[in-house]
PDB file of N, CA and C in Angstrom:
ATOM      1  N   UNK A   1     -19.752 -34.609 -54.782  1.00  0.00           N
ATOM      2  CA  UNK A   1     -19.476 -33.184 -54.727  1.00  0.00           C
ATOM      3  C   UNK A   1     -20.140 -32.516 -55.921  1.00  0.00           C
ATOM      4  N   UNK A   2     -20.729 -31.384 -55.680  1.00  0.00           N
ATOM      5  CA  UNK A   2     -21.357 -30.667 -56.787  1.00  0.00           C
ATOM      6  C   UNK A   2     -20.290 -29.981 -57.625  1.00  0.00           C
ATOM      7  N   UNK A   3     -20.593 -29.765 -58.890  1.00  0.00           N
ATOM      8  CA  UNK A   3     -19.624 -29.132 -59.785  1.00  0.00           C
ATOM      9  C   UNK A   3     -19.309 -27.710 -59.341  1.00  0.00           C
ATOM     10  N   UNK A   4     -20.284 -27.000 -58.765  1.00  0.00           N
ATOM     11  CA  UNK A   4     -20.032 -25.645 -58.295  1.00  0.00           C
ATOM     12  C   UNK A   4     -19.025 -25.616 -57.159  1.00  0.00           C
ATOM     13  N   UNK A   5     -19.156 -26.551 -56.229  1.00  0.00           N
ATOM     14  CA  UNK A   5     -18.226 -26.627 -55.099  1.00  0.00           C
ATOM     15  C   UNK A   5     -16.822 -26.999 -55.569  1.00  0.00           C
ATOM     16  N   UNK A   6     -16.721 -27.684 -56.679  1.00  0.00           N
ATOM     17  CA  UNK A   6     -15.426 -28.098 -57.209  1.00  0.00           C
ATOM     18  C   UNK A   6     -14.580 -26.904 -57.625  1.00  0.00           C
ATOM     19  N   UNK A   7     -15.204 -25.757 -57.812  1.00  0.00           N
ATOM     20  CA  UNK A   7     -14.475 -24.563 -58.223  1.00  0.00           C
ATOM     21  C   UNK A   7     -14.186 -23.638 -57.047  1.00  0.00           C
ATOM     22  N   UNK A   8     -14.520 -24.078 -55.842  1.00  0.00           N
ATOM     23  CA  UNK A   8     -14.269 -23.309 -54.622  1.00  0.00           C
ATOM     24  C   UNK A   8     -12.767 -23.296 -54.359  1.00  0.00           C
ATOM     25  N   UNK A   9     -12.167 -22.110 -54.285  1.00  0.00           N
ATOM     26  CA  UNK A   9     -10.725 -22.000 -54.080  1.00  0.00           C
ATOM     27  C   UNK A   9     -10.301 -22.385 -52.666  1.00  0.00           C
ATOM     28  N   UNK A  10     -11.256 -22.497 -51.741  1.00  0.00           N
ATOM     29  CA  UNK A  10     -10.938 -22.833 -50.358  1.00  0.00           C
ATOM     30  C   UNK A  10     -11.090 -24.321 -50.073  1.00  0.00           C
ATOM     31  N   UNK A  11     -11.056 -25.148 -51.097  1.00  0.00           N
ATOM     32  CA  UNK A  11     -11.222 -26.581 -50.923  1.00  0.00           C
ATOM     33  C   UNK A  11      -9.851 -27.251 -51.072  1.00  0.00           C
ATOM     34  N   UNK A  12      -9.694 -28.393 -50.455  1.00  0.00           N
ATOM     35  CA  UNK A  12      -8.463 -29.180 -50.535  1.00  0.00           C
ATOM     36  C   UNK A  12      -8.154 -29.520 -51.991  1.00  0.00           C
ATOM     37  N   UNK A  13      -6.888 -29.530 -52.373  1.00  0.00           N
ATOM     38  CA  UNK A  13      -6.486 -29.839 -53.740  1.00  0.00           C
ATOM     39  C   UNK A  13      -6.904 -31.229 -54.183  1.00  0.00           C
ATOM     40  N   UNK A  14      -6.857 -32.200 -53.273  1.00  0.00           N
ATOM     41  CA  UNK A  14      -7.274 -33.554 -53.621  1.00  0.00           C
ATOM     42  C   UNK A  14      -8.767 -33.567 -53.929  1.00  0.00           C
ATOM     43  N   UNK A  15      -9.539 -32.844 -53.139  1.00  0.00           N
ATOM     44  CA  UNK A  15     -10.979 -32.749 -53.378  1.00  0.00           C
ATOM     45  C   UNK A  15     -11.253 -32.110 -54.734  1.00  0.00           C
ATOM     46  N   UNK A  16     -10.500 -31.071 -55.073  1.00  0.00           N
ATOM     47  CA  UNK A  16     -10.673 -30.409 -56.368  1.00  0.00           C
ATOM     48  C   UNK A  16     -10.328 -31.356 -57.516  1.00  0.00           C
ATOM     49  N   UNK A  17      -9.300 -32.170 -57.328  1.00  0.00           N
ATOM     50  CA  UNK A  17      -8.914 -33.127 -58.366  1.00  0.00           C
ATOM     51  C   UNK A  17      -9.962 -34.223 -58.512  1.00  0.00           C
ATOM     52  N   UNK A  18     -10.420 -34.748 -57.394  1.00  0.00           N
ATOM     53  CA  UNK A  18     -11.409 -35.829 -57.435  1.00  0.00           C
ATOM     54  C   UNK A  18     -12.717 -35.349 -58.048  1.00  0.00           C
ATOM     55  N   UNK A  19     -13.042 -34.086 -57.864  1.00  0.00           N
ATOM     56  CA  UNK A  19     -14.311 -33.576 -58.392  1.00  0.00           C
ATOM     57  C   UNK A  19     -14.385 -33.667 -59.914  1.00  0.00           C
ATOM     58  N   UNK A  20     -13.247 -33.590 -60.604  1.00  0.00           N
ATOM     59  CA  UNK A  20     -13.287 -33.648 -62.068  1.00  0.00           C
ATOM     60  C   UNK A  20     -13.309 -35.076 -62.587  1.00  0.00           C
ATOM     61  N   UNK A  21     -13.053 -36.064 -61.723  1.00  0.00           N
ATOM     62  CA  UNK A  21     -13.132 -37.466 -62.148  1.00  0.00           C
ATOM     63  C   UNK A  21     -14.236 -38.194 -61.401  1.00  0.00           C
ATOM     64  N   UNK A  22     -15.043 -37.431 -60.659  1.00  0.00           N
ATOM     65  CA  UNK A  22     -16.129 -38.013 -59.890  1.00  0.00           C
ATOM     66  C   UNK A  22     -17.151 -38.649 -60.828  1.00  0.00           C
ATOM     67  N   UNK A  23     -17.653 -39.779 -60.444  1.00  0.00           N
ATOM     68  CA  UNK A  23     -18.641 -40.482 -61.255  1.00  0.00           C
ATOM     69  C   UNK A  23     -18.101 -41.833 -61.684  1.00  0.00           C
ATOM     70  N   UNK A  24     -18.978 -42.632 -62.196  1.00  0.00           N
ATOM     71  CA  UNK A  24     -18.643 -44.012 -62.530  1.00  0.00           C
ATOM     72  C   UNK A  24     -17.751 -44.136 -63.762  1.00  0.00           C
ATOM     73  N   UNK A  25     -17.846 -43.227 -64.721  1.00  0.00           N
ATOM     74  CA  UNK A  25     -17.247 -43.456 -66.034  1.00  0.00           C
ATOM     75  C   UNK A  25     -16.040 -42.595 -66.375  1.00  0.00           C
ATOM     76  N   UNK A  26     -15.805 -41.506 -65.672  1.00  0.00           N
ATOM     77  CA  UNK A  26     -14.760 -40.571 -66.098  1.00  0.00           C
ATOM     78  C   UNK A  26     -13.364 -41.171 -66.050  1.00  0.00           C
ATOM     79  N   UNK A  27     -13.052 -41.946 -65.021  1.00  0.00           N
ATOM     80  CA  UNK A  27     -11.711 -42.542 -64.980  1.00  0.00           C
ATOM     81  C   UNK A  27     -11.551 -43.569 -66.099  1.00  0.00           C
ATOM     82  N   UNK A  28     -12.608 -44.319 -66.383  1.00  0.00           N
ATOM     83  CA  UNK A  28     -12.550 -45.291 -67.483  1.00  0.00           C
ATOM     84  C   UNK A  28     -12.383 -44.570 -68.818  1.00  0.00           C
ATOM     85  N   UNK A  29     -13.046 -43.438 -68.986  1.00  0.00           N
ATOM     86  CA  UNK A  29     -12.895 -42.663 -70.221  1.00  0.00           C
ATOM     87  C   UNK A  29     -11.473 -42.117 -70.347  1.00  0.00           C
ATOM     88  N   UNK A  30     -10.917 -41.611 -69.254  1.00  0.00           N
ATOM     89  CA  UNK A  30      -9.526 -41.147 -69.273  1.00  0.00           C
ATOM     90  C   UNK A  30      -8.604 -42.280 -69.704  1.00  0.00           C
ATOM     91  N   UNK A  31      -8.817 -43.446 -69.110  1.00  0.00           N
ATOM     92  CA  UNK A  31      -7.986 -44.606 -69.408  1.00  0.00           C
ATOM     93  C   UNK A  31      -8.068 -44.977 -70.881  1.00  0.00           C
ATOM     94  N   UNK A  32      -9.275 -45.004 -71.429  1.00  0.00           N
ATOM     95  CA  UNK A  32      -9.446 -45.361 -72.842  1.00  0.00           C
ATOM     96  C   UNK A  32      -8.855 -44.301 -73.768  1.00  0.00           C
ATOM     97  N   UNK A  33      -8.987 -43.026 -73.402  1.00  0.00           N
ATOM     98  CA  UNK A  33      -8.486 -41.952 -74.260  1.00  0.00           C
ATOM     99  C   UNK A  33      -6.967 -41.813 -74.203  1.00  0.00           C
ATOM    100  N   UNK A  34      -6.327 -42.467 -73.235  1.00  0.00           N
ATOM    101  CA  UNK A  34      -4.855 -42.449 -73.184  1.00  0.00           C
ATOM    102  C   UNK A  34      -4.253 -43.053 -74.441  1.00  0.00           C
ATOM    103  N   UNK A  35      -4.950 -44.006 -75.049  1.00  0.00           N
ATOM    104  CA  UNK A  35      -4.418 -44.701 -76.222  1.00  0.00           C
ATOM    105  C   UNK A  35      -4.570 -43.880 -77.502  1.00  0.00           C
ATOM    106  N   UNK A  36      -5.287 -42.772 -77.442  1.00  0.00           N
ATOM    107  CA  UNK A  36      -5.453 -41.935 -78.625  1.00  0.00           C
ATOM    108  C   UNK A  36      -6.897 -41.514 -78.801  1.00  0.00           C
ATOM    109  N   UNK A  37      -7.161 -40.734 -79.842  1.00  0.00           N
ATOM    110  CA  UNK A  37      -8.519 -40.236 -80.091  1.00  0.00           C
ATOM    111  C   UNK A  37      -9.500 -41.374 -80.366  1.00  0.00           C
ATOM    112  N   UNK A  38     -10.725 -41.166 -79.916  1.00  0.00           N
ATOM    113  CA  UNK A  38     -11.796 -42.142 -80.141  1.00  0.00           C
ATOM    114  C   UNK A  38     -13.082 -41.419 -80.500  1.00  0.00           C
ATOM    115  N   UNK A  39     -13.884 -42.092 -81.322  1.00  0.00           N
ATOM    116  CA  UNK A  39     -15.223 -41.614 -81.612  1.00  0.00           C
ATOM    117  C   UNK A  39     -16.130 -42.056 -80.468  1.00  0.00           C
ATOM    118  N   UNK A  40     -17.232 -41.338 -80.241  1.00  0.00           N
ATOM    119  CA  UNK A  40     -18.143 -41.711 -79.151  1.00  0.00           C
ATOM    120  C   UNK A  40     -18.634 -43.159 -79.249  1.00  0.00           C
ATOM    121  N   UNK A  41     -18.963 -43.629 -80.453  1.00  0.00           N
ATOM    122  CA  UNK A  41     -19.452 -45.005 -80.601  1.00  0.00           C
ATOM    123  C   UNK A  41     -18.379 -46.013 -80.198  1.00  0.00           C
ATOM    124  N   UNK A  42     -17.117 -45.707 -80.484  1.00  0.00           N
ATOM    125  CA  UNK A  42     -16.022 -46.590 -80.076  1.00  0.00           C
ATOM    126  C   UNK A  42     -15.943 -46.668 -78.554  1.00  0.00           C
ATOM    127  N   UNK A  43     -16.069 -45.527 -77.913  1.00  0.00           N
ATOM    128  CA  UNK A  43     -16.005 -45.492 -76.453  1.00  0.00           C
ATOM    129  C   UNK A  43     -17.140 -46.300 -75.838  1.00  0.00           C
ATOM    130  N   UNK A  44     -18.331 -46.197 -76.419  1.00  0.00           N
ATOM    131  CA  UNK A  44     -19.472 -46.982 -75.908  1.00  0.00           C
ATOM    132  C   UNK A  44     -19.222 -48.472 -76.064  1.00  0.00           C
ATOM    133  N   UNK A  45     -18.639 -48.874 -77.184  1.00  0.00           N
ATOM    134  CA  UNK A  45     -18.336 -50.302 -77.387  1.00  0.00           C
ATOM    135  C   UNK A  45     -17.280 -50.783 -76.391  1.00  0.00           C
ATOM    136  N   UNK A  46     -16.308 -49.938 -76.099  1.00  0.00           N
ATOM    137  CA  UNK A  46     -15.229 -50.318 -75.189  1.00  0.00           C
ATOM    138  C   UNK A  46     -15.674 -50.347 -73.727  1.00  0.00           C
ATOM    139  N   UNK A  47     -16.774 -49.659 -73.429  1.00  0.00           N
ATOM    140  CA  UNK A  47     -17.249 -49.564 -72.044  1.00  0.00           C
ATOM    141  C   UNK A  47     -18.698 -50.035 -71.967  1.00  0.00           C
ATOM    142  N   UNK A  48     -18.904 -51.343 -71.941  1.00  0.00           N
ATOM    143  CA  UNK A  48     -20.270 -51.881 -71.875  1.00  0.00           C
ATOM    144  C   UNK A  48     -21.017 -51.343 -70.652  1.00  0.00           C
ATOM    145  N   UNK A  49     -22.269 -51.008 -70.868  1.00  0.00           N
ATOM    146  CA  UNK A  49     -23.088 -50.470 -69.783  1.00  0.00           C
ATOM    147  C   UNK A  49     -23.152 -48.952 -69.777  1.00  0.00           C
ATOM    148  N   UNK A  50     -22.296 -48.313 -70.553  1.00  0.00           N
ATOM    149  CA  UNK A  50     -22.285 -46.852 -70.637  1.00  0.00           C
ATOM    150  C   UNK A  50     -23.321 -46.409 -71.659  1.00  0.00           C
ATOM    151  N   UNK A  51     -24.322 -45.654 -71.204  1.00  0.00           N
ATOM    152  CA  UNK A  51     -25.364 -45.190 -72.123  1.00  0.00           C
ATOM    153  C   UNK A  51     -24.869 -43.986 -72.919  1.00  0.00           C
ATOM    154  N   UNK A  52     -25.521 -43.739 -74.034  1.00  0.00           N
ATOM    155  CA  UNK A  52     -25.155 -42.588 -74.868  1.00  0.00           C
ATOM    156  C   UNK A  52     -25.339 -41.282 -74.103  1.00  0.00           C
ATOM    157  N   UNK A  53     -26.417 -41.193 -73.347  1.00  0.00           N
ATOM    158  CA  UNK A  53     -26.700 -39.976 -72.581  1.00  0.00           C
ATOM    159  C   UNK A  53     -25.606 -39.703 -71.545  1.00  0.00           C
ATOM    160  N   UNK A  54     -25.229 -40.721 -70.795  1.00  0.00           N
ATOM    161  CA  UNK A  54     -24.208 -40.557 -69.757  1.00  0.00           C
ATOM    162  C   UNK A  54     -22.851 -40.281 -70.392  1.00  0.00           C
ATOM    163  N   UNK A  55     -22.550 -40.947 -71.514  1.00  0.00           N
ATOM    164  CA  UNK A  55     -21.300 -40.695 -72.219  1.00  0.00           C
ATOM    165  C   UNK A  55     -21.223 -39.234 -72.647  1.00  0.00           C
ATOM    166  N   UNK A  56     -22.279 -38.749 -73.266  1.00  0.00           N
ATOM    167  CA  UNK A  56     -22.306 -37.360 -73.726  1.00  0.00           C
ATOM    168  C   UNK A  56     -22.122 -36.397 -72.562  1.00  0.00           C
ATOM    169  N   UNK A  57     -22.821 -36.643 -71.469  1.00  0.00           N
ATOM    170  CA  UNK A  57     -22.723 -35.780 -70.295  1.00  0.00           C
ATOM    171  C   UNK A  57     -21.306 -35.795 -69.723  1.00  0.00           C
ATOM    172  N   UNK A  58     -20.724 -36.980 -69.583  1.00  0.00           N
ATOM    173  CA  UNK A  58     -19.379 -37.090 -69.022  1.00  0.00           C
ATOM    174  C   UNK A  58     -18.355 -36.395 -69.919  1.00  0.00           C
ATOM    175  N   UNK A  59     -18.448 -36.623 -71.233  1.00  0.00           N
ATOM    176  CA  UNK A  59     -17.501 -35.986 -72.142  1.00  0.00           C
ATOM    177  C   UNK A  59     -17.651 -34.471 -72.151  1.00  0.00           C
ATOM    178  N   UNK A  60     -18.873 -33.969 -72.062  1.00  0.00           N
ATOM    179  CA  UNK A  60     -19.078 -32.509 -72.003  1.00  0.00           C
ATOM    180  C   UNK A  60     -18.470 -31.923 -70.735  1.00  0.00           C
ATOM    181  N   UNK A  61     -18.668 -32.614 -69.606  1.00  0.00           N
ATOM    182  CA  UNK A  61     -18.087 -32.134 -68.348  1.00  0.00           C
ATOM    183  C   UNK A  61     -16.563 -32.181 -68.412  1.00  0.00           C
ATOM    184  N   UNK A  62     -16.025 -33.250 -68.981  1.00  0.00           N
ATOM    185  CA  UNK A  62     -14.573 -33.374 -69.094  1.00  0.00           C
ATOM    186  C   UNK A  62     -14.006 -32.321 -70.044  1.00  0.00           C
ATOM    187  N   UNK A  63     -14.758 -31.989 -71.075  1.00  0.00           N
ATOM    188  CA  UNK A  63     -14.333 -30.928 -71.992  1.00  0.00           C
ATOM    189  C   UNK A  63     -14.360 -29.584 -71.273  1.00  0.00           C
ATOM    190  N   UNK A  64     -15.413 -29.328 -70.506  1.00  0.00           N
ATOM    191  CA  UNK A  64     -15.519 -28.074 -69.748  1.00  0.00           C
ATOM    192  C   UNK A  64     -14.396 -27.954 -68.721  1.00  0.00           C
ATOM    193  N   UNK A  65     -13.952 -29.089 -68.182  1.00  0.00           N
ATOM    194  CA  UNK A  65     -12.864 -29.089 -67.203  1.00  0.00           C
ATOM    195  C   UNK A  65     -11.488 -29.057 -67.860  1.00  0.00           C
ATOM    196  N   UNK A  66     -11.449 -29.063 -69.186  1.00  0.00           N
ATOM    197  CA  UNK A  66     -10.188 -28.970 -69.903  1.00  0.00           C
ATOM    198  C   UNK A  66      -9.435 -30.281 -70.019  1.00  0.00           C
ATOM    199  N   UNK A  67     -10.114 -31.408 -69.804  1.00  0.00           N
ATOM    200  CA  UNK A  67      -9.451 -32.714 -69.850  1.00  0.00           C
ATOM    201  C   UNK A  67      -9.470 -33.340 -71.234  1.00  0.00           C
ATOM    202  N   UNK A  68     -10.536 -33.088 -71.992  1.00  0.00           N
ATOM    203  CA  UNK A  68     -10.642 -33.665 -73.330  1.00  0.00           C
ATOM    204  C   UNK A  68     -10.888 -32.573 -74.362  1.00  0.00           C
ATOM    205  N   UNK A  69     -10.477 -32.896 -75.572  1.00  0.00           N
ATOM    206  CA  UNK A  69     -10.683 -32.007 -76.718  1.00  0.00           C
ATOM    207  C   UNK A  69     -11.667 -32.687 -77.658  1.00  0.00           C
ATOM    208  N   UNK A  70     -12.644 -31.933 -78.104  1.00  0.00           N
ATOM    209  CA  UNK A  70     -13.652 -32.436 -79.039  1.00  0.00           C
ATOM    210  C   UNK A  70     -13.367 -31.843 -80.400  1.00  0.00           C
ATOM    211  N   UNK A  71     -13.203 -32.707 -81.377  1.00  0.00           N
ATOM    212  CA  UNK A  71     -12.917 -32.270 -82.739  1.00  0.00           C
ATOM    213  C   UNK A  71     -14.003 -32.807 -83.661  1.00  0.00           C
ATOM    214  N   UNK A  72     -14.683 -31.896 -84.347  1.00  0.00           N
ATOM    215  CA  UNK A  72     -15.751 -32.280 -85.258  1.00  0.00           C
ATOM    216  C   UNK A  72     -15.261 -32.070 -86.686  1.00  0.00           C
ATOM    217  N   UNK A  73     -15.300 -33.148 -87.475  1.00  0.00           N
ATOM    218  CA  UNK A  73     -14.915 -33.082 -88.880  1.00  0.00           C
ATOM    219  C   UNK A  73     -16.171 -32.854 -89.703  1.00  0.00           C
ATOM    220  N   UNK A  74     -16.118 -31.863 -90.565  1.00  0.00           N
ATOM    221  CA  UNK A  74     -17.275 -31.467 -91.357  1.00  0.00           C
ATOM    222  C   UNK A  74     -17.424 -32.364 -92.584  1.00  0.00           C
ATOM    223  N   UNK A  75     -17.808 -33.599 -92.329  1.00  0.00           N
ATOM    224  CA  UNK A  75     -18.088 -34.558 -93.398  1.00  0.00           C
ATOM    225  C   UNK A  75     -19.457 -35.154 -93.105  1.00  0.00           C
ATOM    226  N   UNK A  76     -20.032 -35.803 -94.091  1.00  0.00           N
ATOM    227  CA  UNK A  76     -21.320 -36.453 -93.866  1.00  0.00           C
ATOM    228  C   UNK A  76     -21.136 -37.961 -93.808  1.00  0.00           C
ATOM    229  N   UNK A  77     -21.569 -38.624 -92.797  1.00  0.00           N
ATOM    230  CA  UNK A  77     -22.109 -38.055 -91.559  1.00  0.00           C
ATOM    231  C   UNK A  77     -20.996 -37.392 -90.746  1.00  0.00           C
ATOM    232  N   UNK A  78     -21.407 -36.495 -89.839  1.00  0.00           N
ATOM    233  CA  UNK A  78     -20.432 -35.794 -89.011  1.00  0.00           C
ATOM    234  C   UNK A  78     -19.561 -36.795 -88.268  1.00  0.00           C
ATOM    235  N   UNK A  79     -18.299 -36.475 -88.187  1.00  0.00           N
ATOM    236  CA  UNK A  79     -17.353 -37.343 -87.481  1.00  0.00           C
ATOM    237  C   UNK A  79     -16.790 -36.556 -86.303  1.00  0.00           C
ATOM    238  N   UNK A  80     -17.031 -37.057 -85.097  1.00  0.00           N
ATOM    239  CA  UNK A  80     -16.551 -36.404 -83.882  1.00  0.00           C
ATOM    240  C   UNK A  80     -15.504 -37.292 -83.232  1.00  0.00           C
ATOM    241  N   UNK A  81     -14.387 -36.684 -82.875  1.00  0.00           N
ATOM    242  CA  UNK A  81     -13.315 -37.390 -82.180  1.00  0.00           C
ATOM    243  C   UNK A  81     -13.032 -36.709 -80.857  1.00  0.00           C
ATOM    244  N   UNK A  82     -12.805 -37.520 -79.829  1.00  0.00           N
ATOM    245  CA  UNK A  82     -12.408 -37.011 -78.516  1.00  0.00           C
ATOM    246  C   UNK A  82     -10.999 -37.485 -78.219  1.00  0.00           C
ATOM    247  N   UNK A  83     -10.189 -36.586 -77.670  1.00  0.00           N
ATOM    248  CA  UNK A  83      -8.822 -36.923 -77.294  1.00  0.00           C
ATOM    249  C   UNK A  83      -8.480 -36.194 -76.000  1.00  0.00           C
ATOM    250  N   UNK A  84      -7.440 -36.678 -75.336  1.00  0.00           N
ATOM    251  CA  UNK A  84      -6.997 -36.012 -74.115  1.00  0.00           C
ATOM    252  C   UNK A  84      -6.250 -34.738 -74.459  1.00  0.00           C
ATOM    253  N   UNK A  85      -6.459 -33.712 -73.668  1.00  0.00           N
ATOM    254  CA  UNK A  85      -5.649 -32.501 -73.764  1.00  0.00           C
ATOM    255  C   UNK A  85      -4.365 -32.753 -72.966  1.00  0.00           C
ATOM    256  N   UNK A  86      -3.441 -31.836 -73.033  1.00  0.00           N
ATOM    257  CA  UNK A  86      -2.237 -31.958 -72.204  1.00  0.00           C
ATOM    258  C   UNK A  86      -2.617 -31.994 -70.727  1.00  0.00           C
ATOM    259  N   UNK A  87      -3.608 -31.204 -70.349  1.00  0.00           N
ATOM    260  CA  UNK A  87      -4.082 -31.160 -68.965  1.00  0.00           C
ATOM    261  C   UNK A  87      -4.695 -32.499 -68.564  1.00  0.00           C
ATOM    262  N   UNK A  88      -5.450 -33.116 -69.476  1.00  0.00           N
ATOM    263  CA  UNK A  88      -6.035 -34.426 -69.219  1.00  0.00           C
ATOM    264  C   UNK A  88      -4.976 -35.506 -69.119  1.00  0.00           C
ATOM    265  N   UNK A  89      -3.951 -35.431 -69.973  1.00  0.00           N
ATOM    266  CA  UNK A  89      -2.848 -36.390 -69.925  1.00  0.00           C
ATOM    267  C   UNK A  89      -2.088 -36.238 -68.601  1.00  0.00           C
ATOM    268  N   UNK A  90      -1.921 -35.002 -68.158  1.00  0.00           N
ATOM    269  CA  UNK A  90      -1.254 -34.743 -66.873  1.00  0.00           C
ATOM    270  C   UNK A  90      -2.038 -35.373 -65.722  1.00  0.00           C
ATOM    271  N   UNK A  91      -3.359 -35.237 -65.746  1.00  0.00           N
ATOM    272  CA  UNK A  91      -4.198 -35.862 -64.723  1.00  0.00           C
ATOM    273  C   UNK A  91      -4.070 -37.373 -64.787  1.00  0.00           C
ATOM    274  N   UNK A  92      -4.092 -37.924 -65.974  1.00  0.00           N
ATOM    275  CA  UNK A  92      -3.982 -39.369 -66.143  1.00  0.00           C
ATOM    276  C   UNK A  92      -2.657 -39.878 -65.566  1.00  0.00           C
ATOM    277  N   UNK A  93      -1.589 -39.156 -65.818  1.00  0.00           N
ATOM    278  CA  UNK A  93      -0.281 -39.533 -65.268  1.00  0.00           C
ATOM    279  C   UNK A  93      -0.270 -39.418 -63.746  1.00  0.00           C
ATOM    280  N   UNK A  94      -0.945 -38.405 -63.223  1.00  0.00           N
ATOM    281  CA  UNK A  94      -1.012 -38.229 -61.771  1.00  0.00           C
ATOM    282  C   UNK A  94      -1.804 -39.354 -61.109  1.00  0.00           C
ATOM    283  N   UNK A  95      -2.768 -39.913 -61.834  1.00  0.00           N
ATOM    284  CA  UNK A  95      -3.592 -40.997 -61.294  1.00  0.00           C
ATOM    285  C   UNK A  95      -2.907 -42.359 -61.375  1.00  0.00           C
ATOM    286  N   UNK A  96      -1.833 -42.481 -62.142  1.00  0.00           N
ATOM    287  CA  UNK A  96      -1.160 -43.777 -62.314  1.00  0.00           C
ATOM    288  C   UNK A  96      -0.736 -44.407 -60.988  1.00  0.00           C
ATOM    289  N   UNK A  97      -0.099 -43.658 -60.059  1.00  0.00           N
ATOM    290  CA  UNK A  97       0.255 -44.287 -58.776  1.00  0.00           C
ATOM    291  C   UNK A  97      -0.979 -44.730 -57.984  1.00  0.00           C
ATOM    292  N   UNK A  98      -2.063 -44.004 -58.075  1.00  0.00           N
ATOM    293  CA  UNK A  98      -3.296 -44.400 -57.392  1.00  0.00           C
ATOM    294  C   UNK A  98      -3.838 -45.691 -58.016  1.00  0.00           C
ATOM    295  N   UNK A  99      -3.747 -45.803 -59.320  1.00  0.00           N
ATOM    296  CA  UNK A  99      -4.163 -47.024 -60.005  1.00  0.00           C
ATOM    297  C   UNK A  99      -3.312 -48.211 -59.556  1.00  0.00           C
ATOM    298  N   UNK A 100      -2.008 -47.993 -59.470  1.00  0.00           N
ATOM    299  CA  UNK A 100      -1.114 -49.066 -59.006  1.00  0.00           C
ATOM    300  C   UNK A 100      -1.491 -49.502 -57.593  1.00  0.00           C
ATOM    301  N   UNK A 101      -1.759 -48.550 -56.731  1.00  0.00           N
ATOM    302  CA  UNK A 101      -2.168 -48.864 -55.361  1.00  0.00           C
ATOM    303  C   UNK A 101      -3.461 -49.668 -55.371  1.00  0.00           C
ATOM    304  N   UNK A 102      -4.407 -49.276 -56.210  1.00  0.00           N
ATOM    305  CA  UNK A 102      -5.674 -49.988 -56.303  1.00  0.00           C
ATOM    306  C   UNK A 102      -5.488 -51.437 -56.732  1.00  0.00           C
ATOM    307  N   UNK A 103      -4.594 -51.668 -57.694  1.00  0.00           N
ATOM    308  CA  UNK A 103      -4.319 -53.044 -58.131  1.00  0.00           C
ATOM    309  C   UNK A 103      -3.679 -53.864 -57.009  1.00  0.00           C
ATOM    310  N   UNK A 104      -2.763 -53.237 -56.256  1.00  0.00           N
ATOM    311  CA  UNK A 104      -2.159 -53.940 -55.116  1.00  0.00           C
ATOM    312  C   UNK A 104      -3.210 -54.274 -54.070  1.00  0.00           C
ATOM    313  N   UNK A 105      -4.137 -53.370 -53.849  1.00  0.00           N
ATOM    314  CA  UNK A 105      -5.213 -53.615 -52.888  1.00  0.00           C
ATOM    315  C   UNK A 105      -6.066 -54.798 -53.335  1.00  0.00           C
ATOM    316  N   UNK A 106      -6.415 -54.828 -54.615  1.00  0.00           N
ATOM    317  CA  UNK A 106      -7.225 -55.932 -55.137  1.00  0.00           C
ATOM    318  C   UNK A 106      -6.502 -57.273 -54.998  1.00  0.00           C
ATOM    319  N   UNK A 107      -5.195 -57.268 -55.261  1.00  0.00           N
ATOM    320  CA  UNK A 107      -4.411 -58.498 -55.095  1.00  0.00           C
ATOM    321  C   UNK A 107      -4.407 -58.932 -53.626  1.00  0.00           C
ATOM    322  N   UNK A 108      -4.286 -57.969 -52.731  1.00  0.00           N
ATOM    323  CA  UNK A 108      -4.279 -58.270 -51.300  1.00  0.00           C
ATOM    324  C   UNK A 108      -5.634 -58.846 -50.861  1.00  0.00           C
ATOM    325  N   UNK A 109      -6.706 -58.317 -51.399  1.00  0.00           N
ATOM    326  CA  UNK A 109      -8.036 -58.825 -51.067  1.00  0.00           C
ATOM    327  C   UNK A 109      -8.259 -60.226 -51.620  1.00  0.00           C
ATOM    328  N   UNK A 110      -7.620 -60.536 -52.747  1.00  0.00           N
ATOM    329  CA  UNK A 110      -7.820 -61.823 -53.391  1.00  0.00           C
ATOM    330  C   UNK A 110      -7.058 -62.948 -52.689  1.00  0.00           C
ATOM    331  N   UNK A 111      -6.028 -62.600 -51.931  1.00  0.00           N
ATOM    332  CA  UNK A 111      -5.244 -63.637 -51.239  1.00  0.00           C
ATOM    333  C   UNK A 111      -5.756 -63.763 -49.807  1.00  0.00           C
ATOM    334  N   UNK A 112      -6.029 -65.013 -49.373  1.00  0.00           N
ATOM    335  CA  UNK A 112      -6.567 -65.224 -48.016  1.00  0.00           C
ATOM    336  C   UNK A 112      -5.529 -65.019 -46.932  1.00  0.00           C
TER     337      UNK A 112
END
């Protein structure tokens, strides 16, 4: 789904919710940020395969959607921290039952 369509008021609520977590890394970033603020380099280490470019893009989109807060400390070198906003924490909590369902599905697939 395109980001512009995600703001269409005539779209299903589930579609609107999925549009803000669409992509390979956003749910993983939400999950990692649940534990507290992280620097971008920490997030890259925690999520192997995530490039700096994609991380930056995902975090900017999540910030624009009101899910994460970016805090820049004016020290040398600059220190940037990302954390969940209340809105992002609310989304993360809403996704918990879906995560539980996904784990049950994986267990079901693993048993013959």
